[in-house]
Amino acid sequence: MTGARPVVISCGEPAGIGPEVAARAWAVLAGEVPMVWLGDPRHLPADIPHRVVNDCDQVLNTSPDALPVLAHAFPADNVLGQANPANAQAVIDVIARGVDLVRAGDACALTTAPIHKKALKDGANFAYPGHTEYLAALAGVDDVVMMLASDQLRVVPATIHIALDQVPHVLTPAHLRRVIEITAAGLKTQFGIAQPKIAIAGLNPHAGEGGTMGRQEIDWMNDLVKTMQDEGFDLMGPLPADTMFHAAARARYDAAIAMYHDQALIPIKTLDFDRGVNVTLGLPFIRTSPDHGTAFDIAGTGIANPTSMVEAIRLAYKMATS
């Protein structure tokens, strides 16, 4: 790992499980992945050794017997399980600082621990729906997509946190085209797949079954897929979603694009619940995150599973160095 830039891990909401799973991920990955945790050292679990460093260069010269920490002081007390809005601005500032480190080339990638959006809104008037939108604003990009990735499946929901009855209104030809373009570009640049094969799910049961169960497929989805195939995209679909996630089907594509949140997340969480990683495509830097929230109910109990954080850090480093 000599000379390899570290993955920077933003602390997220300190009252949740973020600091714990990051520290325990370091215990798994020490010696394999260079990393540095960005946050208030007081929030780390007492049984994991840490060492405050001044910059990312110092991480590379630190023996792997302690978690390297870039200290960022939080102004208010932290009670596990109870988000404190007085710490909201510090949480936001840590994210921005992490982005700065990656964009400056000091770190190779950013892995973000979960945030608590209500606490950020209450304490700092946080104007973004979530992490991803804030990162896009910091990077100055308009369009990003969320990919859930594991060893068994990569899947992108074309629409995310909206009500199901709103999906047909948001899912326009222009919107789906942009999702396909960003997904294909991300598979090339961040996953090293020269000619990615992408499966497109239908919106309706049985992909509409000739218009008898919905018309989006025959009204415009078929034409969009054909047009983009003619442009050089290696696409298949629209496919019935209920038959595109079994093992033989998955072997035929590099990533799938689902039309709505649960159509994407149910298969990956069924296949690999603990190892799913959130990857943001469309940013000018690598960002991953574990596929779980703050889990206030178990914060501080010592039972939080660090596996998704381990995989998020490991994947970020692999994407940055491959």
C-alpha atoms as a PDB file:
ATOM      1  CA  MET A   1       0.000   0.000   0.000  1.00  0.00           C
ATOM      2  CA  THR A   2       3.021   2.298  -0.162  1.00  0.00           C
ATOM      3  CA  GLY A   3       1.934   5.618  -1.681  1.00  0.00           C
ATOM      4  CA  ALA A   4      -1.733   4.631  -1.957  1.00  0.00           C
ATOM      5  CA  ARG A   5      -4.063   7.460  -1.010  1.00  0.00           C
ATOM      6  CA  PRO A   6      -6.450   6.613   1.838  1.00  0.00           C
ATOM      7  CA  VAL A   7     -10.215   6.329   1.753  1.00  0.00           C
ATOM      8  CA  VAL A   8     -11.688   9.107   3.898  1.00  0.00           C
ATOM      9  CA  ILE A   9     -14.668   8.075   6.034  1.00  0.00           C
ATOM     10  CA  SER A  10     -17.008  10.860   7.139  1.00  0.00           C
ATOM     11  CA  CYS A  11     -18.407  10.313  10.623  1.00  0.00           C
ATOM     12  CA  GLY A  12     -22.091  10.835   9.816  1.00  0.00           C
ATOM     13  CA  GLU A  13     -24.539  11.235  12.699  1.00  0.00           C
ATOM     14  CA  PRO A  14     -22.441  10.656  15.839  1.00  0.00           C
ATOM     15  CA  ALA A  15     -25.415   9.513  17.921  1.00  0.00           C
ATOM     16  CA  GLY A  16     -25.978   6.582  15.555  1.00  0.00           C
ATOM     17  CA  ILE A  17     -23.920   3.519  14.722  1.00  0.00           C
ATOM     18  CA  GLY A  18     -21.696   5.290  12.164  1.00  0.00           C
ATOM     19  CA  PRO A  19     -18.619   5.813  14.366  1.00  0.00           C
ATOM     20  CA  GLU A  20     -18.872   2.274  15.737  1.00  0.00           C
ATOM     21  CA  VAL A  21     -19.170   0.487  12.396  1.00  0.00           C
ATOM     22  CA  ALA A  22     -16.392   2.630  10.901  1.00  0.00           C
ATOM     23  CA  ALA A  23     -14.050   1.754  13.759  1.00  0.00           C
ATOM     24  CA  ARG A  24     -14.904  -1.934  13.545  1.00  0.00           C
ATOM     25  CA  ALA A  25     -14.481  -1.844   9.773  1.00  0.00           C
ATOM     26  CA  TRP A  26     -10.967  -0.497  10.315  1.00  0.00           C
ATOM     27  CA  ALA A  27     -10.279  -3.470  12.619  1.00  0.00           C
ATOM     28  CA  VAL A  28     -11.217  -5.784   9.726  1.00  0.00           C
ATOM     29  CA  LEU A  29      -9.423  -3.872   6.964  1.00  0.00           C
ATOM     30  CA  ALA A  30      -6.269  -2.617   8.717  1.00  0.00           C
ATOM     31  CA  GLY A  31      -3.306  -3.527   6.545  1.00  0.00           C
ATOM     32  CA  GLU A  32      -5.547  -4.091   3.507  1.00  0.00           C
ATOM     33  CA  VAL A  33      -7.044  -0.655   2.863  1.00  0.00           C
ATOM     34  CA  PRO A  34      -5.506   2.679   3.926  1.00  0.00           C
ATOM     35  CA  MET A  35      -8.202   4.817   5.522  1.00  0.00           C
ATOM     36  CA  VAL A  36      -8.734   7.826   7.720  1.00  0.00           C
ATOM     37  CA  TRP A  37     -11.799   8.634   9.812  1.00  0.00           C
ATOM     38  CA  LEU A  38     -12.997  12.235   9.829  1.00  0.00           C
ATOM     39  CA  GLY A  39     -14.865  13.278  12.973  1.00  0.00           C
ATOM     40  CA  ASP A  40     -14.648  13.939  16.698  1.00  0.00           C
ATOM     41  CA  PRO A  41     -12.430  11.281  18.338  1.00  0.00           C
ATOM     42  CA  ARG A  42     -14.644  11.369  21.444  1.00  0.00           C
ATOM     43  CA  HIS A  43     -17.359   9.622  19.429  1.00  0.00           C
ATOM     44  CA  LEU A  44     -15.326   6.490  18.662  1.00  0.00           C
ATOM     45  CA  PRO A  45     -15.816   3.305  20.708  1.00  0.00           C
ATOM     46  CA  ALA A  46     -13.347   3.068  23.577  1.00  0.00           C
ATOM     47  CA  ASP A  47     -12.191  -0.452  22.708  1.00  0.00           C
ATOM     48  CA  ILE A  48     -10.824   0.513  19.261  1.00  0.00           C
ATOM     49  CA  PRO A  49      -7.430   2.277  19.314  1.00  0.00           C
ATOM     50  CA  HIS A  50      -7.152   5.471  17.302  1.00  0.00           C
ATOM     51  CA  ARG A  51      -4.414   7.964  16.497  1.00  0.00           C
ATOM     52  CA  VAL A  52      -4.999  11.601  15.510  1.00  0.00           C
ATOM     53  CA  VAL A  53      -3.114  12.611  12.353  1.00  0.00           C
ATOM     54  CA  ASN A  54      -2.574  16.028  10.821  1.00  0.00           C
ATOM     55  CA  ASP A  55      -3.188  15.139   7.185  1.00  0.00           C
ATOM     56  CA  CYS A  56      -3.673  12.254   4.775  1.00  0.00           C
ATOM     57  CA  ASP A  57       0.056  12.002   4.068  1.00  0.00           C
ATOM     58  CA  GLN A  58       0.619  11.090   7.691  1.00  0.00           C
ATOM     59  CA  VAL A  59      -1.831   8.193   7.327  1.00  0.00           C
ATOM     60  CA  LEU A  60       0.569   6.469   4.952  1.00  0.00           C
ATOM     61  CA  ASN A  61       3.361   6.653   7.519  1.00  0.00           C
ATOM     62  CA  THR A  62       1.263   5.415  10.430  1.00  0.00           C
ATOM     63  CA  SER A  63       1.530   1.796  11.554  1.00  0.00           C
ATOM     64  CA  PRO A  64      -1.765  -0.084  11.196  1.00  0.00           C
ATOM     65  CA  ASP A  65      -2.219  -0.609  14.935  1.00  0.00           C
ATOM     66  CA  ALA A  66      -4.637   2.309  15.371  1.00  0.00           C
ATOM     67  CA  LEU A  67      -7.391   3.953  13.325  1.00  0.00           C
ATOM     68  CA  PRO A  68      -6.035   7.196  11.823  1.00  0.00           C
ATOM     69  CA  VAL A  69      -8.297  10.142  12.681  1.00  0.00           C
ATOM     70  CA  LEU A  70      -8.545  13.620  11.210  1.00  0.00           C
ATOM     71  CA  ALA A  71     -10.073  15.394  14.178  1.00  0.00           C
ATOM     72  CA  HIS A  72     -13.098  17.628  13.669  1.00  0.00           C
ATOM     73  CA  ALA A  73     -14.468  19.012  16.924  1.00  0.00           C
ATOM     74  CA  PHE A  74     -18.214  18.886  17.584  1.00  0.00           C
ATOM     75  CA  PRO A  75     -19.632  21.676  19.776  1.00  0.00           C
ATOM     76  CA  ALA A  76     -22.279  19.818  21.778  1.00  0.00           C
ATOM     77  CA  ASP A  77     -22.585  16.704  23.896  1.00  0.00           C
ATOM     78  CA  ASN A  78     -23.326  13.452  22.129  1.00  0.00           C
ATOM     79  CA  VAL A  79     -25.809  10.967  23.580  1.00  0.00           C
ATOM     80  CA  LEU A  80     -25.954   7.671  21.719  1.00  0.00           C
ATOM     81  CA  GLY A  81     -29.398   7.059  20.289  1.00  0.00           C
ATOM     82  CA  GLN A  82     -30.444  10.732  20.459  1.00  0.00           C
ATOM     83  CA  ALA A  83     -29.450  13.073  17.641  1.00  0.00           C
ATOM     84  CA  ASN A  84     -28.467  16.526  18.892  1.00  0.00           C
ATOM     85  CA  PRO A  85     -29.385  19.297  16.412  1.00  0.00           C
ATOM     86  CA  ALA A  86     -26.651  21.441  17.962  1.00  0.00           C
ATOM     87  CA  ASN A  87     -24.140  19.163  16.212  1.00  0.00           C
ATOM     88  CA  ALA A  88     -25.855  19.431  12.828  1.00  0.00           C
ATOM     89  CA  GLN A  89     -23.523  21.973  11.265  1.00  0.00           C
ATOM     90  CA  ALA A  90     -20.487  19.946  12.293  1.00  0.00           C
ATOM     91  CA  VAL A  91     -21.945  16.861  10.585  1.00  0.00           C
ATOM     92  CA  ILE A  92     -22.475  18.899   7.409  1.00  0.00           C
ATOM     93  CA  ASP A  93     -19.001  20.430   7.595  1.00  0.00           C
ATOM     94  CA  VAL A  94     -17.395  16.989   7.908  1.00  0.00           C
ATOM     95  CA  ILE A  95     -19.061  15.890   4.664  1.00  0.00           C
ATOM     96  CA  ALA A  96     -17.816  19.004   2.866  1.00  0.00           C
ATOM     97  CA  ARG A  97     -14.327  18.526   4.283  1.00  0.00           C
ATOM     98  CA  GLY A  98     -14.301  14.922   3.075  1.00  0.00           C
ATOM     99  CA  VAL A  99     -15.270  16.030  -0.425  1.00  0.00           C
ATOM    100  CA  ASP A 100     -12.493  18.623  -0.390  1.00  0.00           C
ATOM    101  CA  LEU A 101      -9.934  15.971   0.555  1.00  0.00           C
ATOM    102  CA  VAL A 102     -10.953  13.703  -2.312  1.00  0.00           C
ATOM    103  CA  ARG A 103     -11.184  16.459  -4.894  1.00  0.00           C
ATOM    104  CA  ALA A 104      -7.754  17.754  -3.873  1.00  0.00           C
ATOM    105  CA  GLY A 105      -6.266  14.281  -4.379  1.00  0.00           C
ATOM    106  CA  ASP A 106      -5.371  13.851  -0.710  1.00  0.00           C
ATOM    107  CA  ALA A 107      -7.784  10.907  -0.420  1.00  0.00           C
ATOM    108  CA  CYS A 108      -8.720   8.438  -3.152  1.00  0.00           C
ATOM    109  CA  ALA A 109     -12.418   8.078  -2.316  1.00  0.00           C
ATOM    110  CA  LEU A 110     -15.125   9.080   0.149  1.00  0.00           C
ATOM    111  CA  THR A 111     -17.171   6.640   2.214  1.00  0.00           C
ATOM    112  CA  THR A 112     -19.974   8.298   4.141  1.00  0.00           C
ATOM    113  CA  ALA A 113     -21.580   7.053   7.344  1.00  0.00           C
ATOM    114  CA  PRO A 114     -25.350   7.595   7.728  1.00  0.00           C
ATOM    115  CA  ILE A 115     -26.775  11.004   8.607  1.00  0.00           C
ATOM    116  CA  HIS A 116     -30.036  11.942  10.332  1.00  0.00           C
ATOM    117  CA  LYS A 117     -31.797  14.335   7.984  1.00  0.00           C
ATOM    118  CA  LYS A 118     -34.296  15.712  10.517  1.00  0.00           C
ATOM    119  CA  ALA A 119     -31.528  16.660  12.945  1.00  0.00           C
ATOM    120  CA  LEU A 120     -29.659  18.426  10.148  1.00  0.00           C
ATOM    121  CA  LYS A 121     -32.764  20.309   9.096  1.00  0.00           C
ATOM    122  CA  ASP A 122     -33.696  21.246  12.661  1.00  0.00           C
ATOM    123  CA  GLY A 123     -30.184  22.289  13.633  1.00  0.00           C
ATOM    124  CA  ALA A 124     -28.762  23.803  10.456  1.00  0.00           C
ATOM    125  CA  ASN A 125     -31.655  24.294   7.997  1.00  0.00           C
ATOM    126  CA  PHE A 126     -30.201  21.540   5.806  1.00  0.00           C
ATOM    127  CA  ALA A 127     -31.975  22.086   2.500  1.00  0.00           C
ATOM    128  CA  TYR A 128     -31.247  18.767   0.791  1.00  0.00           C
ATOM    129  CA  PRO A 129     -33.307  15.548   0.786  1.00  0.00           C
ATOM    130  CA  GLY A 130     -30.198  13.563   1.696  1.00  0.00           C
ATOM    131  CA  HIS A 131     -26.488  12.924   1.399  1.00  0.00           C
ATOM    132  CA  THR A 132     -26.501  12.343  -2.341  1.00  0.00           C
ATOM    133  CA  GLU A 133     -28.150  15.628  -3.263  1.00  0.00           C
ATOM    134  CA  TYR A 134     -25.761  17.549  -1.010  1.00  0.00           C
ATOM    135  CA  LEU A 135     -22.752  15.829  -2.556  1.00  0.00           C
ATOM    136  CA  ALA A 136     -24.061  16.667  -6.029  1.00  0.00           C
ATOM    137  CA  ALA A 137     -24.393  20.325  -5.016  1.00  0.00           C
ATOM    138  CA  LEU A 138     -20.859  20.381  -3.608  1.00  0.00           C
ATOM    139  CA  ALA A 139     -19.578  18.853  -6.844  1.00  0.00           C
ATOM    140  CA  GLY A 140     -21.598  21.193  -9.051  1.00  0.00           C
ATOM    141  CA  VAL A 141     -23.410  18.429 -10.952  1.00  0.00           C
ATOM    142  CA  ASP A 142     -27.119  18.193 -11.686  1.00  0.00           C
ATOM    143  CA  ASP A 143     -27.689  14.496 -12.289  1.00  0.00           C
ATOM    144  CA  VAL A 144     -26.514  11.566 -10.187  1.00  0.00           C
ATOM    145  CA  VAL A 145     -27.861   8.071  -9.712  1.00  0.00           C
ATOM    146  CA  MET A 146     -27.808   5.639  -6.826  1.00  0.00           C
ATOM    147  CA  MET A 147     -26.427   2.162  -7.429  1.00  0.00           C
ATOM    148  CA  LEU A 148     -26.685  -0.679  -4.928  1.00  0.00           C
ATOM    149  CA  ALA A 149     -23.813  -3.081  -5.460  1.00  0.00           C
ATOM    150  CA  SER A 150     -22.667  -6.422  -4.110  1.00  0.00           C
ATOM    151  CA  ASP A 151     -20.732  -9.370  -5.479  1.00  0.00           C
ATOM    152  CA  GLN A 152     -24.002 -10.812  -6.791  1.00  0.00           C
ATOM    153  CA  LEU A 153     -25.810  -7.819  -8.271  1.00  0.00           C
ATOM    154  CA  ARG A 154     -25.472  -4.188  -9.294  1.00  0.00           C
ATOM    155  CA  VAL A 155     -28.829  -2.433  -9.533  1.00  0.00           C
ATOM    156  CA  VAL A 156     -29.908   1.174 -10.067  1.00  0.00           C
ATOM    157  CA  PRO A 157     -33.390   2.478  -9.197  1.00  0.00           C
ATOM    158  CA  ALA A 158     -34.405   4.975 -11.896  1.00  0.00           C
ATOM    159  CA  THR A 159     -36.626   6.719  -9.350  1.00  0.00           C
ATOM    160  CA  ILE A 160     -35.862   6.687  -5.650  1.00  0.00           C
ATOM    161  CA  HIS A 161     -37.677   8.211  -2.693  1.00  0.00           C
ATOM    162  CA  ILE A 162     -41.046   9.071  -4.185  1.00  0.00           C
ATOM    163  CA  ALA A 163     -44.522   7.616  -3.752  1.00  0.00           C
ATOM    164  CA  LEU A 164     -45.346   4.744  -6.066  1.00  0.00           C
ATOM    165  CA  ASP A 165     -48.195   6.657  -7.708  1.00  0.00           C
ATOM    166  CA  GLN A 166     -45.706   9.368  -8.720  1.00  0.00           C
ATOM    167  CA  VAL A 167     -43.316   7.001 -10.507  1.00  0.00           C
ATOM    168  CA  PRO A 168     -45.101   7.072 -13.919  1.00  0.00           C
ATOM    169  CA  HIS A 169     -44.994  10.883 -13.875  1.00  0.00           C
ATOM    170  CA  VAL A 170     -41.297  11.158 -13.003  1.00  0.00           C
ATOM    171  CA  LEU A 171     -40.261   8.291 -15.280  1.00  0.00           C
ATOM    172  CA  THR A 172     -40.100  10.118 -18.613  1.00  0.00           C
ATOM    173  CA  PRO A 173     -38.037   9.119 -21.659  1.00  0.00           C
ATOM    174  CA  ALA A 174     -35.558  11.926 -20.931  1.00  0.00           C
ATOM    175  CA  HIS A 175     -35.226  10.879 -17.293  1.00  0.00           C
ATOM    176  CA  LEU A 176     -34.650   7.197 -18.063  1.00  0.00           C
ATOM    177  CA  ARG A 177     -32.195   8.054 -20.839  1.00  0.00           C
ATOM    178  CA  ARG A 178     -30.127  10.118 -18.408  1.00  0.00           C
ATOM    179  CA  VAL A 179     -30.132   7.313 -15.821  1.00  0.00           C
ATOM    180  CA  ILE A 180     -28.938   4.844 -18.466  1.00  0.00           C
ATOM    181  CA  GLU A 181     -26.210   7.235 -19.658  1.00  0.00           C
ATOM    182  CA  ILE A 182     -24.876   7.874 -16.141  1.00  0.00           C
ATOM    183  CA  THR A 183     -25.006   4.169 -15.275  1.00  0.00           C
ATOM    184  CA  ALA A 184     -23.122   3.175 -18.419  1.00  0.00           C
ATOM    185  CA  ALA A 185     -20.493   5.867 -17.851  1.00  0.00           C
ATOM    186  CA  GLY A 186     -20.028   4.835 -14.216  1.00  0.00           C
ATOM    187  CA  LEU A 187     -19.614   1.178 -15.115  1.00  0.00           C
ATOM    188  CA  LYS A 188     -16.880   2.175 -17.561  1.00  0.00           C
ATOM    189  CA  THR A 189     -14.970   4.707 -15.483  1.00  0.00           C
ATOM    190  CA  GLN A 190     -15.441   3.396 -11.941  1.00  0.00           C
ATOM    191  CA  PHE A 191     -15.851  -0.352 -12.456  1.00  0.00           C
ATOM    192  CA  GLY A 192     -13.543  -0.751 -15.456  1.00  0.00           C
ATOM    193  CA  ILE A 193     -16.132  -2.435 -17.712  1.00  0.00           C
ATOM    194  CA  ALA A 194     -15.319  -1.359 -21.269  1.00  0.00           C
ATOM    195  CA  GLN A 195     -18.676  -2.261 -22.847  1.00  0.00           C
ATOM    196  CA  PRO A 196     -21.204  -2.656 -20.043  1.00  0.00           C
ATOM    197  CA  LYS A 197     -24.293  -4.779 -20.556  1.00  0.00           C
ATOM    198  CA  ILE A 198     -27.326  -3.216 -18.875  1.00  0.00           C
ATOM    199  CA  ALA A 199     -30.711  -4.835 -18.298  1.00  0.00           C
ATOM    200  CA  ILE A 200     -33.726  -2.512 -18.204  1.00  0.00           C
ATOM    201  CA  ALA A 201     -36.715  -3.581 -16.122  1.00  0.00           C
ATOM    202  CA  GLY A 202     -40.236  -2.881 -17.258  1.00  0.00           C
ATOM    203  CA  LEU A 203     -42.404  -0.632 -15.147  1.00  0.00           C
ATOM    204  CA  ASN A 204     -45.501  -2.802 -15.207  1.00  0.00           C
ATOM    205  CA  PRO A 205     -46.143  -6.481 -14.372  1.00  0.00           C
ATOM    206  CA  HIS A 206     -44.806  -8.741 -17.138  1.00  0.00           C
ATOM    207  CA  ALA A 207     -43.335  -5.571 -18.733  1.00  0.00           C
ATOM    208  CA  GLY A 208     -46.869  -4.553 -19.625  1.00  0.00           C
ATOM    209  CA  GLU A 209     -47.675  -7.769 -21.522  1.00  0.00           C
ATOM    210  CA  GLY A 210     -48.369  -6.020 -24.783  1.00  0.00           C
ATOM    211  CA  GLY A 211     -50.197  -3.121 -23.187  1.00  0.00           C
ATOM    212  CA  THR A 212     -52.722  -5.201 -21.266  1.00  0.00           C
ATOM    213  CA  MET A 213     -51.119  -4.329 -17.899  1.00  0.00           C
ATOM    214  CA  GLY A 214     -49.844  -0.824 -18.624  1.00  0.00           C
ATOM    215  CA  ARG A 215     -48.690   1.025 -21.696  1.00  0.00           C
ATOM    216  CA  GLN A 216     -45.367   2.666 -20.816  1.00  0.00           C
ATOM    217  CA  GLU A 217     -43.375  -0.186 -22.342  1.00  0.00           C
ATOM    218  CA  ILE A 218     -45.095  -0.088 -25.739  1.00  0.00           C
ATOM    219  CA  ASP A 219     -45.696   3.674 -25.738  1.00  0.00           C
ATOM    220  CA  TRP A 220     -42.053   4.698 -25.252  1.00  0.00           C
ATOM    221  CA  MET A 221     -39.756   2.336 -23.330  1.00  0.00           C
ATOM    222  CA  ASN A 222     -39.266  -0.126 -26.207  1.00  0.00           C
ATOM    223  CA  ASP A 223     -38.436   2.739 -28.572  1.00  0.00           C
ATOM    224  CA  LEU A 224     -35.987   4.332 -26.119  1.00  0.00           C
ATOM    225  CA  VAL A 225     -34.105   1.066 -25.637  1.00  0.00           C
ATOM    226  CA  LYS A 226     -33.949   0.496 -29.410  1.00  0.00           C
ATOM    227  CA  THR A 227     -32.736   4.055 -30.056  1.00  0.00           C
ATOM    228  CA  MET A 228     -29.992   3.771 -27.441  1.00  0.00           C
ATOM    229  CA  GLN A 229     -28.977   0.349 -28.763  1.00  0.00           C
ATOM    230  CA  ASP A 230     -28.517   1.963 -32.171  1.00  0.00           C
ATOM    231  CA  GLU A 231     -26.323   4.588 -30.474  1.00  0.00           C
ATOM    232  CA  GLY A 232     -24.021   1.851 -29.172  1.00  0.00           C
ATOM    233  CA  PHE A 233     -25.405   1.099 -25.711  1.00  0.00           C
ATOM    234  CA  ASP A 234     -25.543  -2.622 -24.917  1.00  0.00           C
ATOM    235  CA  LEU A 235     -29.053  -2.813 -23.480  1.00  0.00           C
ATOM    236  CA  MET A 236     -31.655  -5.523 -23.046  1.00  0.00           C
ATOM    237  CA  GLY A 237     -35.270  -4.946 -22.173  1.00  0.00           C
ATOM    238  CA  PRO A 238     -37.616  -3.740 -21.007  1.00  0.00           C
ATOM    239  CA  LEU A 239     -37.764  -7.063 -19.174  1.00  0.00           C
ATOM    240  CA  PRO A 240     -40.329  -8.482 -16.747  1.00  0.00           C
ATOM    241  CA  ALA A 241     -38.846  -7.605 -13.365  1.00  0.00           C
ATOM    242  CA  ASP A 242     -39.968 -10.845 -11.729  1.00  0.00           C
ATOM    243  CA  THR A 243     -37.671 -12.958 -13.932  1.00  0.00           C
ATOM    244  CA  MET A 244     -34.560 -10.791 -14.311  1.00  0.00           C
ATOM    245  CA  PHE A 245     -32.900 -11.287 -10.920  1.00  0.00           C
ATOM    246  CA  HIS A 246     -32.355 -15.057 -10.711  1.00  0.00           C
ATOM    247  CA  ALA A 247     -28.799 -16.344 -11.104  1.00  0.00           C
ATOM    248  CA  ALA A 248     -28.949 -17.278 -14.786  1.00  0.00           C
ATOM    249  CA  ALA A 249     -30.497 -13.936 -15.710  1.00  0.00           C
ATOM    250  CA  ARG A 250     -27.949 -11.956 -13.679  1.00  0.00           C
ATOM    251  CA  ALA A 251     -25.106 -13.673 -15.527  1.00  0.00           C
ATOM    252  CA  ARG A 252     -26.185 -11.908 -18.725  1.00  0.00           C
ATOM    253  CA  TYR A 253     -25.688  -8.315 -17.571  1.00  0.00           C
ATOM    254  CA  ASP A 254     -23.292  -6.099 -15.606  1.00  0.00           C
ATOM    255  CA  ALA A 255     -26.001  -3.973 -14.015  1.00  0.00           C
ATOM    256  CA  ALA A 256     -29.764  -3.721 -13.949  1.00  0.00           C
ATOM    257  CA  ILE A 257     -31.861  -0.564 -13.967  1.00  0.00           C
ATOM    258  CA  ALA A 258     -35.127  -0.893 -12.066  1.00  0.00           C
ATOM    259  CA  MET A 259     -37.948   1.601 -12.406  1.00  0.00           C
ATOM    260  CA  TYR A 260     -38.642   2.304  -8.750  1.00  0.00           C
ATOM    261  CA  HIS A 261     -37.155   1.949  -5.278  1.00  0.00           C
ATOM    262  CA  ASP A 262     -38.498  -1.405  -4.105  1.00  0.00           C
ATOM    263  CA  GLN A 263     -38.122  -3.048  -7.513  1.00  0.00           C
ATOM    264  CA  ALA A 264     -34.380  -2.437  -7.098  1.00  0.00           C
ATOM    265  CA  LEU A 265     -33.816  -2.887  -3.383  1.00  0.00           C
ATOM    266  CA  ILE A 266     -35.854  -6.030  -2.751  1.00  0.00           C
ATOM    267  CA  PRO A 267     -33.665  -8.276  -4.944  1.00  0.00           C
ATOM    268  CA  ILE A 268     -30.308  -7.006  -3.678  1.00  0.00           C
ATOM    269  CA  LYS A 269     -31.361  -7.100  -0.032  1.00  0.00           C
ATOM    270  CA  THR A 270     -32.714 -10.609  -0.528  1.00  0.00           C
ATOM    271  CA  LEU A 271     -29.537 -11.783  -2.247  1.00  0.00           C
ATOM    272  CA  ASP A 272     -26.974 -10.072  -0.004  1.00  0.00           C
ATOM    273  CA  PHE A 273     -28.560  -8.146   2.859  1.00  0.00           C
ATOM    274  CA  ASP A 274     -25.399  -7.396   4.847  1.00  0.00           C
ATOM    275  CA  ARG A 275     -22.998  -6.715   1.975  1.00  0.00           C
ATOM    276  CA  GLY A 276     -24.928  -4.265  -0.171  1.00  0.00           C
ATOM    277  CA  VAL A 277     -23.111  -0.981  -0.824  1.00  0.00           C
ATOM    278  CA  ASN A 278     -24.550   2.329  -2.001  1.00  0.00           C
ATOM    279  CA  VAL A 279     -22.476   3.833  -4.833  1.00  0.00           C
ATOM    280  CA  THR A 280     -23.227   7.293  -6.214  1.00  0.00           C
ATOM    281  CA  LEU A 281     -22.617   7.502  -9.965  1.00  0.00           C
ATOM    282  CA  GLY A 282     -22.300  10.829 -11.768  1.00  0.00           C
ATOM    283  CA  LEU A 283     -20.057  12.562  -9.230  1.00  0.00           C
ATOM    284  CA  PRO A 284     -16.512  13.600 -10.225  1.00  0.00           C
ATOM    285  CA  PHE A 285     -15.158  11.458  -7.389  1.00  0.00           C
ATOM    286  CA  ILE A 286     -15.826   8.044  -5.855  1.00  0.00           C
ATOM    287  CA  ARG A 287     -18.435   7.919  -3.102  1.00  0.00           C
ATOM    288  CA  THR A 288     -19.762   4.830  -1.374  1.00  0.00           C
ATOM    289  CA  SER A 289     -21.800   4.287   1.766  1.00  0.00           C
ATOM    290  CA  PRO A 290     -23.154   1.356   3.754  1.00  0.00           C
ATOM    291  CA  ASP A 291     -26.700   0.344   2.926  1.00  0.00           C
ATOM    292  CA  HIS A 292     -28.190   1.105   6.344  1.00  0.00           C
ATOM    293  CA  GLY A 293     -29.248   4.062   8.448  1.00  0.00           C
ATOM    294  CA  THR A 294     -28.295   5.524  11.812  1.00  0.00           C
ATOM    295  CA  ALA A 295     -29.919   2.658  13.787  1.00  0.00           C
ATOM    296  CA  PHE A 296     -30.417   4.739  16.933  1.00  0.00           C
ATOM    297  CA  ASP A 297     -32.105   1.797  18.649  1.00  0.00           C
ATOM    298  CA  ILE A 298     -28.858  -0.202  18.811  1.00  0.00           C
ATOM    299  CA  ALA A 299     -26.295   2.619  18.979  1.00  0.00           C
ATOM    300  CA  GLY A 300     -23.825   1.989  21.773  1.00  0.00           C
ATOM    301  CA  THR A 301     -24.915  -1.591  22.392  1.00  0.00           C
ATOM    302  CA  GLY A 302     -21.947  -3.101  20.555  1.00  0.00           C
ATOM    303  CA  ILE A 303     -24.124  -5.270  18.321  1.00  0.00           C
ATOM    304  CA  ALA A 304     -24.078  -3.204  15.113  1.00  0.00           C
ATOM    305  CA  ASN A 305     -22.927  -5.281  12.148  1.00  0.00           C
ATOM    306  CA  PRO A 306     -20.025  -3.527  10.364  1.00  0.00           C
ATOM    307  CA  THR A 307     -20.164  -5.721   7.243  1.00  0.00           C
ATOM    308  CA  SER A 308     -21.819  -3.174   4.948  1.00  0.00           C
ATOM    309  CA  MET A 309     -19.333  -0.501   6.045  1.00  0.00           C
ATOM    310  CA  VAL A 310     -16.460  -2.937   5.473  1.00  0.00           C
ATOM    311  CA  GLU A 311     -17.708  -3.619   1.961  1.00  0.00           C
ATOM    312  CA  ALA A 312     -18.324   0.092   1.275  1.00  0.00           C
ATOM    313  CA  ILE A 313     -14.734   0.989   2.184  1.00  0.00           C
ATOM    314  CA  ARG A 314     -13.311  -2.022   0.353  1.00  0.00           C
ATOM    315  CA  LEU A 315     -15.285  -1.253  -2.816  1.00  0.00           C
ATOM    316  CA  ALA A 316     -14.332   2.438  -2.722  1.00  0.00           C
ATOM    317  CA  TYR A 317     -10.658   1.525  -2.566  1.00  0.00           C
ATOM    318  CA  LYS A 318     -10.993  -1.094  -5.289  1.00  0.00           C
ATOM    319  CA  MET A 319     -12.724   1.398  -7.580  1.00  0.00           C
ATOM    320  CA  ALA A 320     -10.018   3.987  -6.906  1.00  0.00           C
ATOM    321  CA  THR A 321      -7.068   1.685  -7.512  1.00  0.00           C
ATOM    322  CA  SER A 322      -8.217  -0.673 -10.267  1.00  0.00           C
END
